[in-house]
N, C-alpha and C. Protein backbone atom coordinates (compact mmCIF):
# COMPACT_ATOMS: atom_id res chain seq x y z
N UNK A 1 -62.76 -32.34 18.57
CA UNK A 1 -61.70 -32.20 19.55
C UNK A 1 -60.34 -32.58 18.96
N UNK A 2 -60.36 -33.60 18.15
CA UNK A 2 -59.12 -34.05 17.53
C UNK A 2 -58.57 -32.98 16.58
N UNK A 3 -59.44 -32.31 15.87
CA UNK A 3 -59.01 -31.27 14.95
C UNK A 3 -58.39 -30.10 15.72
N UNK A 4 -58.94 -29.75 16.86
CA UNK A 4 -58.38 -28.67 17.68
C UNK A 4 -56.98 -29.04 18.18
N UNK A 5 -56.78 -30.29 18.55
CA UNK A 5 -55.44 -30.73 18.98
C UNK A 5 -54.42 -30.62 17.84
N UNK A 6 -54.85 -31.02 16.66
CA UNK A 6 -53.96 -30.96 15.50
C UNK A 6 -53.62 -29.50 15.17
N UNK A 7 -54.62 -28.63 15.19
CA UNK A 7 -54.39 -27.21 14.92
C UNK A 7 -53.49 -26.61 16.00
N UNK A 8 -53.68 -26.98 17.26
CA UNK A 8 -52.84 -26.49 18.36
C UNK A 8 -51.39 -26.92 18.20
N UNK A 9 -51.19 -28.18 17.82
CA UNK A 9 -49.83 -28.69 17.63
C UNK A 9 -49.16 -27.98 16.45
N UNK A 10 -49.90 -27.75 15.36
CA UNK A 10 -49.34 -27.03 14.21
C UNK A 10 -48.98 -25.60 14.59
N UNK A 11 -49.83 -24.95 15.39
CA UNK A 11 -49.56 -23.57 15.81
C UNK A 11 -48.31 -23.50 16.68
N UNK A 12 -48.19 -24.41 17.64
CA UNK A 12 -47.02 -24.42 18.51
C UNK A 12 -45.75 -24.72 17.72
N UNK A 13 -45.82 -25.66 16.79
CA UNK A 13 -44.63 -25.98 16.00
C UNK A 13 -44.26 -24.82 15.08
N UNK A 14 -45.25 -24.07 14.58
CA UNK A 14 -44.96 -22.91 13.76
C UNK A 14 -44.25 -21.83 14.58
N UNK A 15 -44.69 -21.62 15.79
CA UNK A 15 -44.05 -20.61 16.65
C UNK A 15 -42.60 -20.99 16.94
N UNK A 16 -42.34 -22.24 17.26
CA UNK A 16 -40.97 -22.66 17.54
C UNK A 16 -40.08 -22.62 16.29
N UNK A 17 -40.65 -22.92 15.13
CA UNK A 17 -39.83 -22.89 13.91
C UNK A 17 -39.47 -21.46 13.52
N UNK A 18 -40.36 -20.51 13.73
CA UNK A 18 -40.05 -19.11 13.42
C UNK A 18 -38.98 -18.59 14.36
N UNK A 19 -39.04 -18.94 15.62
CA UNK A 19 -38.02 -18.50 16.57
C UNK A 19 -36.67 -19.14 16.32
N UNK A 20 -36.63 -20.32 15.74
CA UNK A 20 -35.35 -20.99 15.52
C UNK A 20 -34.59 -20.38 14.34
N UNK A 21 -35.26 -19.63 13.46
CA UNK A 21 -34.62 -19.00 12.31
C UNK A 21 -34.29 -17.53 12.55
N UNK A 22 -34.13 -17.16 13.78
CA UNK A 22 -33.85 -15.75 14.06
C UNK A 22 -32.47 -15.39 13.54
N UNK A 23 -32.29 -14.14 13.19
CA UNK A 23 -31.02 -13.65 12.65
C UNK A 23 -30.07 -13.33 13.79
N UNK A 24 -29.13 -14.19 14.00
CA UNK A 24 -28.12 -13.93 15.03
C UNK A 24 -26.80 -13.66 14.32
N UNK A 25 -26.21 -12.53 14.61
CA UNK A 25 -24.94 -12.21 13.97
C UNK A 25 -23.79 -12.77 14.79
N UNK A 26 -22.75 -13.14 14.08
CA UNK A 26 -21.56 -13.66 14.76
C UNK A 26 -20.75 -12.51 15.32
N UNK A 27 -20.26 -12.69 16.50
CA UNK A 27 -19.40 -11.67 17.10
C UNK A 27 -17.96 -11.98 16.72
N UNK A 28 -17.27 -10.98 16.20
CA UNK A 28 -15.86 -11.16 15.83
C UNK A 28 -15.01 -10.26 16.71
N UNK A 29 -13.96 -10.83 17.23
CA UNK A 29 -13.01 -10.05 18.01
C UNK A 29 -11.85 -9.70 17.09
N UNK A 30 -11.83 -8.44 16.64
CA UNK A 30 -10.81 -8.02 15.70
C UNK A 30 -9.52 -7.59 16.38
N UNK A 31 -9.64 -7.11 17.59
CA UNK A 31 -8.48 -6.58 18.28
C UNK A 31 -8.52 -7.07 19.72
N UNK A 32 -7.54 -7.85 20.10
CA UNK A 32 -7.47 -8.33 21.47
C UNK A 32 -6.88 -7.24 22.36
N UNK A 33 -7.10 -7.30 23.66
CA UNK A 33 -6.52 -6.28 24.55
C UNK A 33 -5.00 -6.21 24.47
N UNK A 34 -4.34 -7.35 24.28
CA UNK A 34 -2.89 -7.33 24.17
C UNK A 34 -2.45 -6.59 22.91
N UNK A 35 -3.17 -6.82 21.82
CA UNK A 35 -2.83 -6.13 20.57
C UNK A 35 -3.05 -4.63 20.69
N UNK A 36 -4.07 -4.24 21.40
CA UNK A 36 -4.35 -2.81 21.57
C UNK A 36 -3.23 -2.11 22.31
N UNK A 37 -2.58 -2.81 23.22
CA UNK A 37 -1.50 -2.20 23.98
C UNK A 37 -0.17 -2.22 23.22
N UNK A 38 0.06 -3.25 22.42
CA UNK A 38 1.36 -3.39 21.76
C UNK A 38 1.40 -2.79 20.37
N UNK A 39 0.30 -2.81 19.64
CA UNK A 39 0.30 -2.32 18.27
C UNK A 39 -0.57 -1.07 18.18
N UNK A 40 0.05 0.07 18.32
CA UNK A 40 -0.70 1.31 18.30
C UNK A 40 -0.82 1.89 16.90
N UNK A 41 0.01 1.50 15.99
CA UNK A 41 -0.01 2.05 14.64
C UNK A 41 -0.19 0.92 13.63
N UNK A 42 -1.40 0.77 13.11
CA UNK A 42 -1.70 -0.25 12.11
C UNK A 42 -2.71 0.31 11.13
N UNK A 43 -2.75 -0.27 9.95
CA UNK A 43 -3.76 0.06 8.94
C UNK A 43 -4.70 -1.14 8.82
N UNK A 44 -5.97 -0.87 8.56
CA UNK A 44 -6.97 -1.93 8.44
C UNK A 44 -7.46 -1.99 6.99
N UNK A 45 -7.67 -3.22 6.50
CA UNK A 45 -8.34 -3.44 5.22
C UNK A 45 -8.99 -4.81 5.26
N UNK A 46 -10.28 -4.87 5.01
CA UNK A 46 -11.07 -6.11 5.01
C UNK A 46 -10.85 -6.91 6.30
N UNK A 47 -10.99 -6.27 7.42
CA UNK A 47 -10.84 -6.89 8.75
C UNK A 47 -9.47 -7.53 8.97
N UNK A 48 -8.46 -7.03 8.31
CA UNK A 48 -7.09 -7.51 8.51
C UNK A 48 -6.23 -6.33 8.89
N UNK A 49 -5.25 -6.60 9.74
CA UNK A 49 -4.33 -5.56 10.19
C UNK A 49 -3.07 -5.59 9.34
N UNK A 50 -2.59 -4.41 8.98
CA UNK A 50 -1.36 -4.29 8.21
C UNK A 50 -0.43 -3.33 8.92
N UNK A 51 0.85 -3.64 8.91
CA UNK A 51 1.84 -2.78 9.56
C UNK A 51 2.36 -1.75 8.56
N UNK A 52 3.18 -0.84 9.04
CA UNK A 52 3.72 0.22 8.20
C UNK A 52 4.58 -0.39 7.09
N UNK A 53 4.38 0.08 5.87
CA UNK A 53 5.13 -0.42 4.72
C UNK A 53 4.39 -1.47 3.92
N UNK A 54 3.25 -1.95 4.40
CA UNK A 54 2.48 -2.95 3.67
C UNK A 54 1.88 -2.32 2.42
N UNK A 55 1.86 -3.08 1.32
CA UNK A 55 1.33 -2.58 0.05
C UNK A 55 0.21 -3.52 -0.40
N UNK A 56 -0.92 -2.93 -0.80
CA UNK A 56 -2.03 -3.70 -1.35
C UNK A 56 -2.42 -3.09 -2.69
N UNK A 57 -3.03 -3.90 -3.56
CA UNK A 57 -3.48 -3.41 -4.86
C UNK A 57 -5.00 -3.47 -4.92
N UNK A 58 -5.61 -2.37 -5.32
CA UNK A 58 -7.05 -2.28 -5.52
C UNK A 58 -7.29 -1.78 -6.93
N UNK A 59 -7.86 -2.62 -7.76
CA UNK A 59 -8.09 -2.28 -9.17
C UNK A 59 -6.77 -1.86 -9.81
N UNK A 60 -6.62 -0.62 -10.23
CA UNK A 60 -5.38 -0.14 -10.85
C UNK A 60 -4.58 0.75 -9.92
N UNK A 61 -4.93 0.76 -8.65
CA UNK A 61 -4.28 1.64 -7.68
C UNK A 61 -3.54 0.80 -6.66
N UNK A 62 -2.32 1.23 -6.35
CA UNK A 62 -1.54 0.57 -5.30
C UNK A 62 -1.52 1.48 -4.08
N UNK A 63 -1.80 0.90 -2.92
CA UNK A 63 -1.83 1.65 -1.67
C UNK A 63 -0.75 1.14 -0.74
N UNK A 64 -0.18 2.05 0.03
CA UNK A 64 0.85 1.69 1.00
C UNK A 64 0.43 2.21 2.37
N UNK A 65 0.62 1.40 3.38
CA UNK A 65 0.36 1.81 4.76
C UNK A 65 1.55 2.65 5.20
N UNK A 66 1.33 3.95 5.35
CA UNK A 66 2.42 4.87 5.67
C UNK A 66 1.95 5.88 6.71
N UNK A 67 2.92 6.62 7.24
CA UNK A 67 2.63 7.62 8.27
C UNK A 67 1.75 8.73 7.70
N UNK A 68 0.75 9.11 8.46
CA UNK A 68 -0.15 10.17 8.05
C UNK A 68 0.60 11.50 7.96
N UNK A 69 1.47 11.72 8.91
CA UNK A 69 2.29 12.93 8.91
C UNK A 69 3.75 12.48 8.97
N UNK A 70 4.48 12.54 7.86
CA UNK A 70 5.84 12.00 7.82
C UNK A 70 6.84 12.78 8.68
N UNK A 71 6.48 13.97 9.13
CA UNK A 71 7.40 14.77 9.93
C UNK A 71 7.43 14.38 11.40
N UNK A 72 6.47 13.57 11.82
CA UNK A 72 6.41 13.13 13.21
C UNK A 72 6.84 11.67 13.33
N UNK A 73 7.57 11.35 14.38
CA UNK A 73 8.06 9.98 14.57
C UNK A 73 6.94 9.01 14.92
N UNK A 74 5.98 9.45 15.71
CA UNK A 74 4.95 8.55 16.20
C UNK A 74 3.60 8.88 15.58
N UNK A 75 3.57 9.12 14.28
CA UNK A 75 2.35 9.51 13.58
C UNK A 75 1.44 8.31 13.36
N UNK A 76 0.15 8.58 13.27
CA UNK A 76 -0.81 7.53 12.94
C UNK A 76 -0.57 7.06 11.50
N UNK A 77 -1.00 5.84 11.20
CA UNK A 77 -0.82 5.30 9.85
C UNK A 77 -2.12 5.41 9.07
N UNK A 78 -2.00 5.49 7.75
CA UNK A 78 -3.15 5.50 6.87
C UNK A 78 -2.73 4.98 5.51
N UNK A 79 -3.71 4.61 4.68
CA UNK A 79 -3.42 4.14 3.33
C UNK A 79 -3.18 5.33 2.42
N UNK A 80 -2.03 5.33 1.74
CA UNK A 80 -1.67 6.39 0.81
C UNK A 80 -1.37 5.78 -0.56
N UNK A 81 -1.65 6.54 -1.60
CA UNK A 81 -1.48 6.06 -2.98
C UNK A 81 -0.01 6.10 -3.37
N UNK A 82 0.43 5.08 -4.11
CA UNK A 82 1.79 5.02 -4.66
C UNK A 82 1.75 5.41 -6.13
N UNK A 83 2.75 6.17 -6.59
CA UNK A 83 2.83 6.51 -8.02
C UNK A 83 3.61 5.42 -8.75
N UNK A 84 3.91 5.67 -10.03
CA UNK A 84 4.61 4.67 -10.85
C UNK A 84 6.03 4.40 -10.38
N UNK A 85 6.64 5.36 -9.69
CA UNK A 85 8.00 5.19 -9.18
C UNK A 85 8.03 4.64 -7.75
N UNK A 86 6.91 4.14 -7.29
CA UNK A 86 6.76 3.61 -5.92
C UNK A 86 7.03 4.66 -4.85
N UNK A 87 6.66 5.89 -5.13
CA UNK A 87 6.77 6.96 -4.15
C UNK A 87 5.38 7.28 -3.62
N UNK A 88 5.31 7.56 -2.33
CA UNK A 88 4.03 7.87 -1.70
C UNK A 88 3.56 9.25 -2.12
N UNK A 89 2.28 9.33 -2.50
CA UNK A 89 1.68 10.61 -2.86
C UNK A 89 0.88 11.09 -1.66
N UNK A 90 1.38 12.14 -1.01
CA UNK A 90 0.67 12.69 0.14
C UNK A 90 -0.40 13.66 -0.35
N UNK A 91 -1.59 13.64 0.28
CA UNK A 91 -2.63 14.58 -0.13
C UNK A 91 -2.21 16.01 0.19
N UNK A 92 -2.71 16.98 -0.57
CA UNK A 92 -2.33 18.37 -0.30
C UNK A 92 -2.83 18.80 1.08
N UNK A 93 -2.00 19.52 1.78
CA UNK A 93 -2.35 19.97 3.13
C UNK A 93 -3.13 21.27 3.04
N UNK A 94 -4.11 21.39 3.90
CA UNK A 94 -4.87 22.62 3.95
C UNK A 94 -4.05 23.68 4.69
N UNK A 95 -4.16 24.88 4.23
CA UNK A 95 -3.40 25.95 4.87
C UNK A 95 -4.13 26.40 6.13
N UNK A 96 -3.38 26.53 7.20
CA UNK A 96 -3.96 26.95 8.47
C UNK A 96 -3.25 28.19 8.98
N UNK A 97 -3.95 28.91 9.79
CA UNK A 97 -3.37 30.10 10.42
C UNK A 97 -3.17 29.77 11.89
N UNK A 98 -1.97 29.96 12.38
CA UNK A 98 -1.67 29.69 13.78
C UNK A 98 -1.45 31.00 14.50
N UNK A 99 -2.09 31.12 15.64
CA UNK A 99 -1.92 32.30 16.48
C UNK A 99 -1.26 31.87 17.77
N UNK A 100 -0.14 32.45 18.09
CA UNK A 100 0.58 32.08 19.31
C UNK A 100 0.17 32.95 20.46
């Protein structure tokens, strides 16, 4: 009888120890509701927000947070490559056909 009690206690403690090591991920709030309303144009890198004009270096490449479409005033922002003269290199635009 004593052996059964010991085995029962070991079994119960094993069950509780396995449940205590469960993988719980941390919840991160990256964007508050106030930020969503006030900052509509931002670039993200490594869970950090960057405003227009921010420059970061990755390996041998420098990136700048700039307007996706420079011809529009309220364009979305994206990371664009800078050349040696610190000028933004825009990717080539695909040709489209517009029918009015």
